[in-house]
Full PDB file with SEQRES, HELIX, SHEET, SSBOND, CRYST1, ORIGX, SCALE, CONECT and MASTER records, all heavy atoms in Angstrom:
SEQRES   1 A   38  SER HIS ASP ASP TYR ILE TRP SER LEU VAL ALA SER ASP          
SEQRES   2 A   38  ALA GLY SER ASP PRO SER VAL THR PRO ASP ALA TRP VAL          
SEQRES   3 A   38  SER THR TYR TRP VAL CYS SER GLU ARG THR GLU ALA              
CRYST1    1.000    1.000    1.000  90.00  90.00  90.00 P 1           1          
ORIGX1      1.000000  0.000000  0.000000        0.00000                         
ORIGX2      0.000000  1.000000  0.000000        0.00000                         
ORIGX3      0.000000  0.000000  1.000000        0.00000                         
SCALE1      1.000000  0.000000  0.000000        0.00000                         
SCALE2      0.000000  1.000000  0.000000        0.00000                         
SCALE3      0.000000  0.000000  1.000000        0.00000                         
ATOM      1  N   SER A   1     -37.769 -35.209-130.879  1.00  0.00           N  
ATOM      2  CA  SER A   1     -37.036 -36.476-130.841  1.00  0.00           C  
ATOM      3  C   SER A   1     -37.901 -37.552-131.485  1.00  0.00           C  
ATOM      4  O   SER A   1     -39.127 -37.433-131.542  1.00  0.00           O  
ATOM      5  CB  SER A   1     -36.663 -36.873-129.406  1.00  0.00           C  
ATOM      6  OG  SER A   1     -37.810 -37.212-128.657  1.00  0.00           O  
ATOM      7  N   HIS A   2     -37.244 -38.579-131.976  1.00  0.00           N  
ATOM      8  CA  HIS A   2     -38.003 -39.656-132.615  1.00  0.00           C  
ATOM      9  C   HIS A   2     -37.171 -40.934-132.643  1.00  0.00           C  
ATOM     10  O   HIS A   2     -35.946 -40.903-132.483  1.00  0.00           O  
ATOM     11  CB  HIS A   2     -38.423 -39.280-134.039  1.00  0.00           C  
ATOM     12  CG  HIS A   2     -37.291 -39.137-135.006  1.00  0.00           C  
ATOM     13  ND1 HIS A   2     -36.505 -38.015-135.075  1.00  0.00           N  
ATOM     14  CD2 HIS A   2     -36.809 -39.994-135.948  1.00  0.00           C  
ATOM     15  CE1 HIS A   2     -35.604 -38.168-136.015  1.00  0.00           C  
ATOM     16  NE2 HIS A   2     -35.749 -39.367-136.549  1.00  0.00           N  
ATOM     17  N   ASP A   3     -37.872 -42.053-132.821  1.00  0.00           N  
ATOM     18  CA  ASP A   3     -37.244 -43.360-133.021  1.00  0.00           C  
ATOM     19  C   ASP A   3     -37.575 -43.823-134.429  1.00  0.00           C  
ATOM     20  O   ASP A   3     -38.728 -43.715-134.869  1.00  0.00           O  
ATOM     21  CB  ASP A   3     -37.783 -44.386-132.016  1.00  0.00           C  
ATOM     22  CG  ASP A   3     -37.461 -44.011-130.585  1.00  0.00           C  
ATOM     23  OD1 ASP A   3     -36.336 -43.556-130.335  1.00  0.00           O  
ATOM     24  OD2 ASP A   3     -38.349 -44.146-129.722  1.00  0.00           O  
ATOM     25  N   ASP A   4     -36.585 -44.352-135.134  1.00  0.00           N  
ATOM     26  CA  ASP A   4     -36.787 -44.868-136.487  1.00  0.00           C  
ATOM     27  C   ASP A   4     -36.780 -46.393-136.467  1.00  0.00           C  
ATOM     28  O   ASP A   4     -35.893 -47.010-135.857  1.00  0.00           O  
ATOM     29  CB  ASP A   4     -35.671 -44.393-137.429  1.00  0.00           C  
ATOM     30  CG  ASP A   4     -35.681 -42.894-137.629  1.00  0.00           C  
ATOM     31  OD1 ASP A   4     -36.774 -42.302-137.605  1.00  0.00           O  
ATOM     32  OD2 ASP A   4     -34.590 -42.315-137.809  1.00  0.00           O  
ATOM     33  N   TYR A   5     -37.755 -46.970-137.140  1.00  0.00           N  
ATOM     34  CA  TYR A   5     -37.806 -48.416-137.362  1.00  0.00           C  
ATOM     35  C   TYR A   5     -38.006 -48.682-138.847  1.00  0.00           C  
ATOM     36  O   TYR A   5     -38.760 -47.956-139.511  1.00  0.00           O  
ATOM     37  CB  TYR A   5     -38.967 -49.061-136.610  1.00  0.00           C  
ATOM     38  CG  TYR A   5     -38.715 -49.362-135.155  1.00  0.00           C  
ATOM     39  CD1 TYR A   5     -38.799 -48.356-134.204  1.00  0.00           C  
ATOM     40  CD2 TYR A   5     -38.413 -50.654-134.721  1.00  0.00           C  
ATOM     41  CE1 TYR A   5     -38.576 -48.619-132.858  1.00  0.00           C  
ATOM     42  CE2 TYR A   5     -38.190 -50.932-133.385  1.00  0.00           C  
ATOM     43  CZ  TYR A   5     -38.281 -49.917-132.460  1.00  0.00           C  
ATOM     44  OH  TYR A   5     -38.061 -50.176-131.123  1.00  0.00           O  
ATOM     45  N   ILE A   6     -37.346 -49.712-139.372  1.00  0.00           N  
ATOM     46  CA  ILE A   6     -37.641 -50.223-140.705  1.00  0.00           C  
ATOM     47  C   ILE A   6     -38.252 -51.604-140.538  1.00  0.00           C  
ATOM     48  O   ILE A   6     -37.701 -52.467-139.842  1.00  0.00           O  
ATOM     49  CB  ILE A   6     -36.379 -50.293-141.588  1.00  0.00           C  
ATOM     50  CG1 ILE A   6     -35.838 -48.888-141.846  1.00  0.00           C  
ATOM     51  CG2 ILE A   6     -36.691 -50.985-142.919  1.00  0.00           C  
ATOM     52  CD1 ILE A   6     -34.551 -48.865-142.637  1.00  0.00           C  
ATOM     53  N   TRP A   7     -39.423 -51.797-141.155  1.00  0.00           N  
ATOM     54  CA  TRP A   7     -40.175 -53.045-141.050  1.00  0.00           C  
ATOM     55  C   TRP A   7     -40.336 -53.679-142.428  1.00  0.00           C  
ATOM     56  O   TRP A   7     -40.478 -52.971-143.426  1.00  0.00           O  
ATOM     57  CB  TRP A   7     -41.574 -52.792-140.482  1.00  0.00           C  
ATOM     58  CG  TRP A   7     -41.629 -52.111-139.162  1.00  0.00           C  
ATOM     59  CD1 TRP A   7     -41.892 -50.782-138.923  1.00  0.00           C  
ATOM     60  CD2 TRP A   7     -41.464 -52.714-137.871  1.00  0.00           C  
ATOM     61  NE1 TRP A   7     -41.891 -50.524-137.573  1.00  0.00           N  
ATOM     62  CE2 TRP A   7     -41.637 -51.687-136.898  1.00  0.00           C  
ATOM     63  CE3 TRP A   7     -41.186 -54.012-137.435  1.00  0.00           C  
ATOM     64  CZ2 TRP A   7     -41.542 -51.930-135.537  1.00  0.00           C  
ATOM     65  CZ3 TRP A   7     -41.091 -54.253-136.077  1.00  0.00           C  
ATOM     66  CH2 TRP A   7     -41.266 -53.228-135.142  1.00  0.00           C  
ATOM     67  N   SER A   8     -40.367 -55.024-142.477  1.00  0.00           N  
ATOM     68  CA  SER A   8     -40.705 -55.764-143.687  1.00  0.00           C  
ATOM     69  C   SER A   8     -42.057 -56.429-143.487  1.00  0.00           C  
ATOM     70  O   SER A   8     -42.286 -57.101-142.462  1.00  0.00           O  
ATOM     71  CB  SER A   8     -39.658 -56.843-143.997  1.00  0.00           C  
ATOM     72  OG  SER A   8     -38.439 -56.256-144.389  1.00  0.00           O  
ATOM     73  N   LEU A   9     -42.957 -56.257-144.433  1.00  0.00           N  
ATOM     74  CA  LEU A   9     -44.277 -56.859-144.352  1.00  0.00           C  
ATOM     75  C   LEU A   9     -44.180 -58.364-144.546  1.00  0.00           C  
ATOM     76  O   LEU A   9     -43.604 -58.841-145.527  1.00  0.00           O  
ATOM     77  CB  LEU A   9     -45.194 -56.244-145.416  1.00  0.00           C  
ATOM     78  CG  LEU A   9     -46.642 -56.710-145.401  1.00  0.00           C  
ATOM     79  CD1 LEU A   9     -47.342 -56.282-144.118  1.00  0.00           C  
ATOM     80  CD2 LEU A   9     -47.386 -56.164-146.622  1.00  0.00           C  
ATOM     81  N   VAL A  10     -44.733 -59.106-143.601  1.00  0.00           N  
ATOM     82  CA  VAL A  10     -44.731 -60.568-143.659  1.00  0.00           C  
ATOM     83  C   VAL A  10     -46.079 -61.088-144.130  1.00  0.00           C  
ATOM     84  O   VAL A  10     -46.169 -62.005-144.949  1.00  0.00           O  
ATOM     85  CB  VAL A  10     -44.387 -61.167-142.275  1.00  0.00           C  
ATOM     86  CG1 VAL A  10     -44.476 -62.688-142.300  1.00  0.00           C  
ATOM     87  CG2 VAL A  10     -42.998 -60.719-141.834  1.00  0.00           C  
ATOM     88  N   ALA A  11     -47.169 -60.530-143.612  1.00  0.00           N  
ATOM     89  CA  ALA A  11     -48.523 -60.974-143.964  1.00  0.00           C  
ATOM     90  C   ALA A  11     -49.480 -59.813-143.789  1.00  0.00           C  
ATOM     91  O   ALA A  11     -49.278 -58.948-142.932  1.00  0.00           O  
ATOM     92  CB  ALA A  11     -48.958 -62.152-143.089  1.00  0.00           C  
ATOM     93  N   SER A  12     -50.564 -59.794-144.598  1.00  0.00           N  
ATOM     94  CA  SER A  12     -51.541 -58.722-144.468  1.00  0.00           C  
ATOM     95  C   SER A  12     -52.864 -59.151-145.070  1.00  0.00           C  
ATOM     96  O   SER A  12     -52.945 -60.100-145.853  1.00  0.00           O  
ATOM     97  CB  SER A  12     -51.045 -57.443-145.166  1.00  0.00           C  
ATOM     98  OG  SER A  12     -50.989 -57.633-146.569  1.00  0.00           O  
ATOM     99  N   ASP A  13     -53.896 -58.447-144.707  1.00  0.00           N  
ATOM    100  CA  ASP A  13     -55.225 -58.577-145.286  1.00  0.00           C  
ATOM    101  C   ASP A  13     -55.829 -57.193-145.265  1.00  0.00           C  
ATOM    102  O   ASP A  13     -56.007 -56.603-144.190  1.00  0.00           O  
ATOM    103  CB  ASP A  13     -56.085 -59.547-144.485  1.00  0.00           C  
ATOM    104  CG  ASP A  13     -57.414 -59.867-145.167  1.00  0.00           C  
ATOM    105  OD1 ASP A  13     -57.953 -58.979-145.846  1.00  0.00           O  
ATOM    106  OD2 ASP A  13     -57.912 -60.992-145.009  1.00  0.00           O  
ATOM    107  N   ALA A  14     -56.120 -56.632-146.441  1.00  0.00           N  
ATOM    108  CA  ALA A  14     -56.630 -55.272-146.527  1.00  0.00           C  
ATOM    109  C   ALA A  14     -58.145 -55.207-146.459  1.00  0.00           C  
ATOM    110  O   ALA A  14     -58.717 -54.141-146.604  1.00  0.00           O  
ATOM    111  CB  ALA A  14     -56.150 -54.615-147.815  1.00  0.00           C  
ATOM    112  N   GLY A  15     -58.841 -56.350-146.235  1.00  0.00           N  
ATOM    113  CA  GLY A  15     -60.284 -56.329-146.124  1.00  0.00           C  
ATOM    114  C   GLY A  15     -60.976 -56.382-147.470  1.00  0.00           C  
ATOM    115  O   GLY A  15     -60.353 -56.517-148.528  1.00  0.00           O  
ATOM    116  N   SER A  16     -62.291 -56.260-147.452  1.00  0.00           N  
ATOM    117  CA  SER A  16     -63.084 -56.447-148.657  1.00  0.00           C  
ATOM    118  C   SER A  16     -63.025 -55.258-149.600  1.00  0.00           C  
ATOM    119  O   SER A  16     -63.362 -55.370-150.767  1.00  0.00           O  
ATOM    120  CB  SER A  16     -64.545 -56.712-148.288  1.00  0.00           C  
ATOM    121  OG  SER A  16     -65.050 -55.638-147.510  1.00  0.00           O  
ATOM    122  N   ASP A  17     -62.621 -54.096-149.095  1.00  0.00           N  
ATOM    123  CA  ASP A  17     -62.553 -52.900-149.932  1.00  0.00           C  
ATOM    124  C   ASP A  17     -61.254 -52.165-149.661  1.00  0.00           C  
ATOM    125  O   ASP A  17     -61.220 -51.218-148.885  1.00  0.00           O  
ATOM    126  CB  ASP A  17     -63.754 -51.984-149.665  1.00  0.00           C  
ATOM    127  CG  ASP A  17     -63.847 -50.843-150.678  1.00  0.00           C  
ATOM    128  OD1 ASP A  17     -62.905 -50.708-151.488  1.00  0.00           O  
ATOM    129  OD2 ASP A  17     -64.843 -50.108-150.658  1.00  0.00           O  
ATOM    130  N   PRO A  18     -60.149 -52.599-150.302  1.00  0.00           N  
ATOM    131  CA  PRO A  18     -58.848 -51.987-150.029  1.00  0.00           C  
ATOM    132  C   PRO A  18     -58.775 -50.512-150.375  1.00  0.00           C  
ATOM    133  O   PRO A  18     -57.828 -49.831-149.972  1.00  0.00           O  
ATOM    134  CB  PRO A  18     -57.884 -52.809-150.900  1.00  0.00           C  
ATOM    135  CG  PRO A  18     -58.606 -54.073-151.204  1.00  0.00           C  
ATOM    136  CD  PRO A  18     -60.056 -53.708-151.244  1.00  0.00           C  
ATOM    137  N   SER A  19     -59.748 -49.990-151.157  1.00  0.00           N  
ATOM    138  CA  SER A  19     -59.708 -48.572-151.506  1.00  0.00           C  
ATOM    139  C   SER A  19     -60.144 -47.688-150.351  1.00  0.00           C  
ATOM    140  O   SER A  19     -59.935 -46.474-150.378  1.00  0.00           O  
ATOM    141  CB  SER A  19     -60.609 -48.298-152.716  1.00  0.00           C  
ATOM    142  OG  SER A  19     -61.982 -48.470-152.390  1.00  0.00           O  
ATOM    143  N   VAL A  20     -60.759 -48.278-149.317  1.00  0.00           N  
ATOM    144  CA  VAL A  20     -61.221 -47.500-148.175  1.00  0.00           C  
ATOM    145  C   VAL A  20     -60.104 -47.396-147.152  1.00  0.00           C  
ATOM    146  O   VAL A  20     -59.603 -48.399-146.658  1.00  0.00           O  
ATOM    147  CB  VAL A  20     -62.467 -48.140-147.532  1.00  0.00           C  
ATOM    148  CG1 VAL A  20     -62.862 -47.378-146.279  1.00  0.00           C  
ATOM    149  CG2 VAL A  20     -63.614 -48.172-148.528  1.00  0.00           C  
ATOM    150  N   THR A  21     -59.707 -46.186-146.838  1.00  0.00           N  
ATOM    151  CA  THR A  21     -58.648 -45.967-145.859  1.00  0.00           C  
ATOM    152  C   THR A  21     -59.258 -45.965-144.462  1.00  0.00           C  
ATOM    153  O   THR A  21     -60.134 -45.156-144.179  1.00  0.00           O  
ATOM    154  CB  THR A  21     -57.935 -44.629-146.093  1.00  0.00           C  
ATOM    155  OG1 THR A  21     -57.367 -44.638-147.399  1.00  0.00           O  
ATOM    156  CG2 THR A  21     -56.840 -44.407-145.059  1.00  0.00           C  
ATOM    157  N   PRO A  22     -58.851 -46.865-143.593  1.00  0.00           N  
ATOM    158  CA  PRO A  22     -59.405 -46.874-142.242  1.00  0.00           C  
ATOM    159  C   PRO A  22     -58.966 -45.657-141.463  1.00  0.00           C  
ATOM    160  O   PRO A  22     -57.921 -45.064-141.750  1.00  0.00           O  
ATOM    161  CB  PRO A  22     -58.844 -48.164-141.647  1.00  0.00           C  
ATOM    162  CG  PRO A  22     -57.580 -48.408-142.399  1.00  0.00           C  
ATOM    163  CD  PRO A  22     -57.824 -47.889-143.784  1.00  0.00           C  
ATOM    164  N   ASP A  23     -59.757 -45.307-140.494  1.00  0.00           N  
ATOM    165  CA  ASP A  23     -59.455 -44.127-139.691  1.00  0.00           C  
ATOM    166  C   ASP A  23     -58.851 -44.463-138.347  1.00  0.00           C  
ATOM    167  O   ASP A  23     -58.418 -43.563-137.636  1.00  0.00           O  
ATOM    168  CB  ASP A  23     -60.728 -43.294-139.485  1.00  0.00           C  
ATOM    169  CG  ASP A  23     -61.139 -42.562-140.758  1.00  0.00           C  
ATOM    170  OD1 ASP A  23     -60.233 -42.159-141.517  1.00  0.00           O  
ATOM    171  OD2 ASP A  23     -62.340 -42.415-140.998  1.00  0.00           O  
ATOM    172  N   ALA A  24     -58.833 -45.729-137.953  1.00  0.00           N  
ATOM    173  CA  ALA A  24     -58.324 -46.113-136.636  1.00  0.00           C  
ATOM    174  C   ALA A  24     -57.422 -47.339-136.769  1.00  0.00           C  
ATOM    175  O   ALA A  24     -57.729 -48.262-137.526  1.00  0.00           O  
ATOM    176  CB  ALA A  24     -59.479 -46.414-135.683  1.00  0.00           C  
ATOM    177  N   TRP A  25     -56.335 -47.308-136.021  1.00  0.00           N  
ATOM    178  CA  TRP A  25     -55.402 -48.433-135.975  1.00  0.00           C  
ATOM    179  C   TRP A  25     -55.063 -48.735-134.524  1.00  0.00           C  
ATOM    180  O   TRP A  25     -54.948 -47.814-133.702  1.00  0.00           O  
ATOM    181  CB  TRP A  25     -54.064 -48.098-136.627  1.00  0.00           C  
ATOM    182  CG  TRP A  25     -54.035 -47.912-138.087  1.00  0.00           C  
ATOM    183  CD1 TRP A  25     -53.683 -48.826-139.039  1.00  0.00           C  
ATOM    184  CD2 TRP A  25     -54.316 -46.698-138.796  1.00  0.00           C  
ATOM    185  NE1 TRP A  25     -53.736 -48.254-140.283  1.00  0.00           N  
ATOM    186  CE2 TRP A  25     -54.135 -46.956-140.157  1.00  0.00           C  
ATOM    187  CE3 TRP A  25     -54.731 -45.424-138.394  1.00  0.00           C  
ATOM    188  CZ2 TRP A  25     -54.334 -45.976-141.139  1.00  0.00           C  
ATOM    189  CZ3 TRP A  25     -54.931 -44.452-139.366  1.00  0.00           C  
ATOM    190  CH2 TRP A  25     -54.733 -44.732-140.710  1.00  0.00           C  
ATOM    191  N   VAL A  26     -54.850 -49.988-134.221  1.00  0.00           N  
ATOM    192  CA  VAL A  26     -54.148 -50.342-133.003  1.00  0.00           C  
ATOM    193  C   VAL A  26     -52.881 -51.077-133.428  1.00  0.00           C  
ATOM    194  O   VAL A  26     -52.916 -51.950-134.305  1.00  0.00           O  
ATOM    195  CB  VAL A  26     -55.000 -51.202-132.043  1.00  0.00           C  
ATOM    196  CG1 VAL A  26     -55.373 -52.537-132.647  1.00  0.00           C  
ATOM    197  CG2 VAL A  26     -54.280 -51.397-130.716  1.00  0.00           C  
ATOM    198  N   SER A  27     -51.765 -50.657-132.867  1.00  0.00           N  
ATOM    199  CA  SER A  27     -50.474 -51.271-133.171  1.00  0.00           C  
ATOM    200  C   SER A  27     -49.936 -51.932-131.915  1.00  0.00           C  
ATOM    201  O   SER A  27     -49.907 -51.300-130.854  1.00  0.00           O  
ATOM    202  CB  SER A  27     -49.458 -50.220-133.655  1.00  0.00           C  
ATOM    203  OG  SER A  27     -49.873 -49.631-134.856  1.00  0.00           O  
ATOM    204  N   THR A  28     -49.523 -53.169-132.046  1.00  0.00           N  
ATOM    205  CA  THR A  28     -48.882 -53.892-130.959  1.00  0.00           C  
ATOM    206  C   THR A  28     -47.436 -54.138-131.338  1.00  0.00           C  
ATOM    207  O   THR A  28     -47.142 -54.770-132.354  1.00  0.00           O  
ATOM    208  CB  THR A  28     -49.594 -55.229-130.686  1.00  0.00           C  
ATOM    209  OG1 THR A  28     -50.957 -54.985-130.346  1.00  0.00           O  
ATOM    210  CG2 THR A  28     -48.919 -55.976-129.537  1.00  0.00           C  
ATOM    211  N   TYR A  29     -46.543 -53.583-130.530  1.00  0.00           N  
ATOM    212  CA  TYR A  29     -45.102 -53.683-130.761  1.00  0.00           C  
ATOM    213  C   TYR A  29     -44.554 -54.759-129.832  1.00  0.00           C  
ATOM    214  O   TYR A  29     -44.588 -54.611-128.609  1.00  0.00           O  
ATOM    215  CB  TYR A  29     -44.432 -52.333-130.502  1.00  0.00           C  
ATOM    216  CG  TYR A  29     -44.994 -51.221-131.361  1.00  0.00           C  
ATOM    217  CD1 TYR A  29     -46.075 -50.454-130.923  1.00  0.00           C  
ATOM    218  CD2 TYR A  29     -44.456 -50.958-132.624  1.00  0.00           C  
ATOM    219  CE1 TYR A  29     -46.612 -49.444-131.719  1.00  0.00           C  
ATOM    220  CE2 TYR A  29     -44.984 -49.950-133.420  1.00  0.00           C  
ATOM    221  CZ  TYR A  29     -46.055 -49.198-132.964  1.00  0.00           C  
ATOM    222  OH  TYR A  29     -46.585 -48.199-133.751  1.00  0.00           O  
ATOM    223  N   TRP A  30     -44.052 -55.847-130.421  1.00  0.00           N  
ATOM    224  CA  TRP A  30     -43.672 -57.034-129.658  1.00  0.00           C  
ATOM    225  C   TRP A  30     -42.175 -57.095-129.402  1.00  0.00           C  
ATOM    226  O   TRP A  30     -41.369 -56.851-130.302  1.00  0.00           O  
ATOM    227  CB  TRP A  30     -44.077 -58.299-130.408  1.00  0.00           C  
ATOM    228  CG  TRP A  30     -45.556 -58.507-130.540  1.00  0.00           C  
ATOM    229  CD1 TRP A  30     -46.347 -58.152-131.595  1.00  0.00           C  
ATOM    230  CD2 TRP A  30     -46.421 -59.111-129.574  1.00  0.00           C  
ATOM    231  NE1 TRP A  30     -47.650 -58.512-131.341  1.00  0.00           N  
ATOM    232  CE2 TRP A  30     -47.723 -59.089-130.121  1.00  0.00           C  
ATOM    233  CE3 TRP A  30     -46.216 -59.662-128.301  1.00  0.00           C  
ATOM    234  CZ2 TRP A  30     -48.815 -59.615-129.439  1.00  0.00           C  
ATOM    235  CZ3 TRP A  30     -47.303 -60.177-127.628  1.00  0.00           C  
ATOM    236  CH2 TRP A  30     -48.586 -60.153-128.196  1.00  0.00           C  
ATOM    237  N   VAL A  31     -41.819 -57.465-128.198  1.00  0.00           N  
ATOM    238  CA  VAL A  31     -40.446 -57.802-127.843  1.00  0.00           C  
ATOM    239  C   VAL A  31     -40.323 -59.319-127.928  1.00  0.00           C  
ATOM    240  O   VAL A  31     -41.025 -60.044-127.206  1.00  0.00           O  
ATOM    241  CB  VAL A  31     -40.097 -57.314-126.427  1.00  0.00           C  
ATOM    242  CG1 VAL A  31     -38.661 -57.705-126.079  1.00  0.00           C  
ATOM    243  CG2 VAL A  31     -40.292 -55.808-126.312  1.00  0.00           C  
ATOM    244  N   CYS A  32     -39.472 -59.811-128.819  1.00  0.00           N  
ATOM    245  CA  CYS A  32     -39.396 -61.255-129.094  1.00  0.00           C  
ATOM    246  C   CYS A  32     -37.957 -61.757-129.007  1.00  0.00           C  
ATOM    247  O   CYS A  32     -37.001 -60.996-129.166  1.00  0.00           O  
ATOM    248  CB  CYS A  32     -39.933 -61.576-130.497  1.00  0.00           C  
ATOM    249  SG  CYS A  32     -41.556 -60.914-130.887  1.00  0.00           S  
ATOM    250  N   SER A  33     -37.840 -63.035-128.800  1.00  0.00           N  
ATOM    251  CA  SER A  33     -36.534 -63.685-128.839  1.00  0.00           C  
ATOM    252  C   SER A  33     -36.036 -63.738-130.274  1.00  0.00           C  
ATOM    253  O   SER A  33     -36.709 -64.303-131.151  1.00  0.00           O  
ATOM    254  CB  SER A  33     -36.641 -65.108-128.285  1.00  0.00           C  
ATOM    255  OG  SER A  33     -35.489 -65.867-128.620  1.00  0.00           O  
ATOM    256  N   GLU A  34     -34.863 -63.149-130.540  1.00  0.00           N  
ATOM    257  CA  GLU A  34     -34.331 -63.175-131.898  1.00  0.00           C  
ATOM    258  C   GLU A  34     -34.034 -64.602-132.347  1.00  0.00           C  
ATOM    259  O   GLU A  34     -34.121 -64.913-133.539  1.00  0.00           O  
ATOM    260  CB  GLU A  34     -33.076 -62.312-131.981  1.00  0.00           C  
ATOM    261  CG  GLU A  34     -33.325 -60.834-131.765  1.00  0.00           C  
ATOM    262  CD  GLU A  34     -32.086 -59.984-131.968  1.00  0.00           C  
ATOM    263  OE1 GLU A  34     -31.352 -60.258-132.945  1.00  0.00           O  
ATOM    264  OE2 GLU A  34     -31.842 -59.069-131.157  1.00  0.00           O  
ATOM    265  N   ARG A  35     -33.714 -65.467-131.423  1.00  0.00           N  
ATOM    266  CA  ARG A  35     -33.362 -66.848-131.772  1.00  0.00           C  
ATOM    267  C   ARG A  35     -34.553 -67.622-132.312  1.00  0.00           C  
ATOM    268  O   ARG A  35     -34.402 -68.485-133.192  1.00  0.00           O  
ATOM    269  CB  ARG A  35     -32.781 -67.555-130.540  1.00  0.00           C  
ATOM    270  CG  ARG A  35     -32.251 -68.951-130.806  1.00  0.00           C  
ATOM    271  CD  ARG A  35     -31.601 -69.517-129.564  1.00  0.00           C  
ATOM    272  NE  ARG A  35     -32.530 -69.650-128.462  1.00  0.00           N  
ATOM    273  CZ  ARG A  35     -33.354 -70.697-128.295  1.00  0.00           C  
ATOM    274  NH1 ARG A  35     -33.340 -71.685-129.171  1.00  0.00           N  
ATOM    275  NH2 ARG A  35     -34.156 -70.752-127.254  1.00  0.00           N  
ATOM    276  N   THR A  36     -35.753 -67.337-131.827  1.00  0.00           N  
ATOM    277  CA  THR A  36     -36.930 -68.129-132.202  1.00  0.00           C  
ATOM    278  C   THR A  36     -38.055 -67.282-132.821  1.00  0.00           C  
ATOM    279  O   THR A  36     -39.159 -67.779-133.008  1.00  0.00           O  
ATOM    280  CB  THR A  36     -37.490 -68.860-130.968  1.00  0.00           C  
ATOM    281  OG1 THR A  36     -37.702 -67.922-129.907  1.00  0.00           O  
ATOM    282  CG2 THR A  36     -36.517 -69.937-130.503  1.00  0.00           C  
ATOM    283  N   GLU A  37     -37.760 -66.027-133.175  1.00  0.00           N  
ATOM    284  CA  GLU A  37     -38.837 -65.172-133.683  1.00  0.00           C  
ATOM    285  C   GLU A  37     -39.392 -65.643-135.021  1.00  0.00           C  
ATOM    286  O   GLU A  37     -40.546 -65.342-135.359  1.00  0.00           O  
ATOM    287  CB  GLU A  37     -38.359 -63.725-133.789  1.00  0.00           C  
ATOM    288  CG  GLU A  37     -37.199 -63.513-134.725  1.00  0.00           C  
ATOM    289  CD  GLU A  37     -36.645 -62.088-134.653  1.00  0.00           C  
ATOM    290  OE1 GLU A  37     -37.096 -61.291-133.829  1.00  0.00           O  
ATOM    291  OE2 GLU A  37     -35.745 -61.793-135.453  1.00  0.00           O  
ATOM    292  N   ALA A  38     -38.627 -66.400-135.813  1.00  0.00           N  
ATOM    293  CA  ALA A  38     -39.170 -66.952-137.061  1.00  0.00           C  
ATOM    294  C   ALA A  38     -40.350 -67.883-136.769  1.00  0.00           C  
ATOM    295  O   ALA A  38     -41.302 -67.959-137.560  1.00  0.00           O  
ATOM    296  CB  ALA A  38     -38.089 -67.689-137.848  1.00  0.00           C  
TER     297      ALA A  38                                                      
MASTER        0    0    0    0    0    0    0    6  296    1    0    3          
END                                                                             
């Protein structure tokens, strides 16, 4: 089983060496008010 999400990138910073693929991520999935999420 799985859940599908489609995301649009709003902002990012790839660090000083974007060619280096990081090995660890922390992801925070936010529940927000649709009326004021902008």
